[in-house]
Amino acid sequence: MKLNDLFTRREKEILVGLCKGLTNREIADRLCVSSHTVKAHVFHMFDKFCVGSLAQLINIAVTPDS
């Protein structure tokens, strides 16, 4: 299974915003959810992929599968 297949549709949408340098508020506004919801998704992805920073999370998202 490809790593990116492990991201849900919503996680991918949030990651796109993060990669564009958007704030949680900006991502939330574009997705019509609260900034708290975006933050919860980000922290869930931190746990899911055992990372501790946005940089590590984005690196996982953009690194081609080996």
C-alpha atoms as a PDB file:
ATOM      1  CA  MET A   1       0.000   0.000   0.000  1.00  0.00           C
ATOM      2  CA  LYS A   2       1.278   3.468  -0.858  1.00  0.00           C
ATOM      3  CA  LEU A   3       1.863   5.782   2.073  1.00  0.00           C
ATOM      4  CA  ASN A   4      -0.419   8.462   0.631  1.00  0.00           C
ATOM      5  CA  ASP A   5      -3.229   5.895   0.552  1.00  0.00           C
ATOM      6  CA  LEU A   6      -3.077   6.053   4.349  1.00  0.00           C
ATOM      7  CA  PHE A   7      -4.236   9.688   4.335  1.00  0.00           C
ATOM      8  CA  THR A   8      -7.996  10.272   4.324  1.00  0.00           C
ATOM      9  CA  ARG A   9      -9.532  12.663   1.810  1.00  0.00           C
ATOM     10  CA  ARG A  10      -9.862  15.354   4.499  1.00  0.00           C
ATOM     11  CA  GLU A  11      -6.285  14.821   5.686  1.00  0.00           C
ATOM     12  CA  LYS A  12      -5.083  15.292   2.113  1.00  0.00           C
ATOM     13  CA  GLU A  13      -7.103  18.512   1.807  1.00  0.00           C
ATOM     14  CA  ILE A  14      -5.552  19.821   5.012  1.00  0.00           C
ATOM     15  CA  LEU A  15      -2.057  18.781   3.936  1.00  0.00           C
ATOM     16  CA  VAL A  16      -2.449  20.687   0.673  1.00  0.00           C
ATOM     17  CA  GLY A  17      -3.244  23.806   2.675  1.00  0.00           C
ATOM     18  CA  LEU A  18      -0.298  23.232   4.993  1.00  0.00           C
ATOM     19  CA  CYS A  19       2.037  22.758   2.025  1.00  0.00           C
ATOM     20  CA  LYS A  20       0.782  26.079   0.629  1.00  0.00           C
ATOM     21  CA  GLY A  21       1.692  27.734   3.927  1.00  0.00           C
ATOM     22  CA  LEU A  22      -1.899  28.459   4.955  1.00  0.00           C
ATOM     23  CA  THR A  23      -2.826  28.882   8.594  1.00  0.00           C
ATOM     24  CA  ASN A  24      -5.280  26.559  10.316  1.00  0.00           C
ATOM     25  CA  ARG A  25      -7.873  29.365  10.136  1.00  0.00           C
ATOM     26  CA  GLU A  26      -7.349  29.804   6.380  1.00  0.00           C
ATOM     27  CA  ILE A  27      -7.605  26.058   5.794  1.00  0.00           C
ATOM     28  CA  ALA A  28     -10.726  25.887   7.964  1.00  0.00           C
ATOM     29  CA  ASP A  29     -12.379  28.722   6.033  1.00  0.00           C
ATOM     30  CA  ARG A  30     -11.678  27.019   2.703  1.00  0.00           C
ATOM     31  CA  LEU A  31     -13.011  23.673   3.946  1.00  0.00           C
ATOM     32  CA  CYS A  32     -15.988  25.189   5.813  1.00  0.00           C
ATOM     33  CA  VAL A  33     -14.952  23.692   9.156  1.00  0.00           C
ATOM     34  CA  SER A  34     -13.659  25.193  12.393  1.00  0.00           C
ATOM     35  CA  SER A  35      -9.977  25.856  13.000  1.00  0.00           C
ATOM     36  CA  HIS A  36     -10.300  23.466  15.966  1.00  0.00           C
ATOM     37  CA  THR A  37     -11.318  20.702  13.527  1.00  0.00           C
ATOM     38  CA  VAL A  38      -8.252  21.377  11.375  1.00  0.00           C
ATOM     39  CA  LYS A  39      -6.023  21.324  14.462  1.00  0.00           C
ATOM     40  CA  ALA A  40      -7.574  18.017  15.574  1.00  0.00           C
ATOM     41  CA  HIS A  41      -6.888  16.463  12.158  1.00  0.00           C
ATOM     42  CA  VAL A  42      -3.275  17.684  12.254  1.00  0.00           C
ATOM     43  CA  PHE A  43      -2.669  16.235  15.719  1.00  0.00           C
ATOM     44  CA  HIS A  44      -4.322  12.976  14.652  1.00  0.00           C
ATOM     45  CA  MET A  45      -1.899  12.801  11.705  1.00  0.00           C
ATOM     46  CA  PHE A  46       1.015  13.481  14.102  1.00  0.00           C
ATOM     47  CA  ASP A  47      -0.027  10.440  16.129  1.00  0.00           C
ATOM     48  CA  LYS A  48      -0.837   8.332  13.067  1.00  0.00           C
ATOM     49  CA  PHE A  49       2.628   8.839  11.543  1.00  0.00           C
ATOM     50  CA  CYS A  50       4.614   9.223  14.790  1.00  0.00           C
ATOM     51  CA  VAL A  51       5.911  12.701  13.989  1.00  0.00           C
ATOM     52  CA  GLY A  52       6.241  15.780  16.151  1.00  0.00           C
ATOM     53  CA  SER A  53       6.311  18.664  13.695  1.00  0.00           C
ATOM     54  CA  LEU A  54       4.560  20.008  10.629  1.00  0.00           C
ATOM     55  CA  ALA A  55       7.822  19.757   8.707  1.00  0.00           C
ATOM     56  CA  GLN A  56       8.039  16.012   9.373  1.00  0.00           C
ATOM     57  CA  LEU A  57       4.378  15.520   8.463  1.00  0.00           C
ATOM     58  CA  ILE A  58       4.721  17.439   5.207  1.00  0.00           C
ATOM     59  CA  ASN A  59       7.898  15.513   4.376  1.00  0.00           C
ATOM     60  CA  ILE A  60       5.958  12.241   4.694  1.00  0.00           C
ATOM     61  CA  ALA A  61       3.202  13.600   2.484  1.00  0.00           C
ATOM     62  CA  VAL A  62       5.462  14.800  -0.318  1.00  0.00           C
ATOM     63  CA  THR A  63       8.135  12.085  -0.303  1.00  0.00           C
ATOM     64  CA  PRO A  64       7.603   9.625  -3.158  1.00  0.00           C
ATOM     65  CA  ASP A  65       6.856   6.071  -2.042  1.00  0.00           C
ATOM     66  CA  SER A  66       9.862   3.773  -2.147  1.00  0.00           C
END
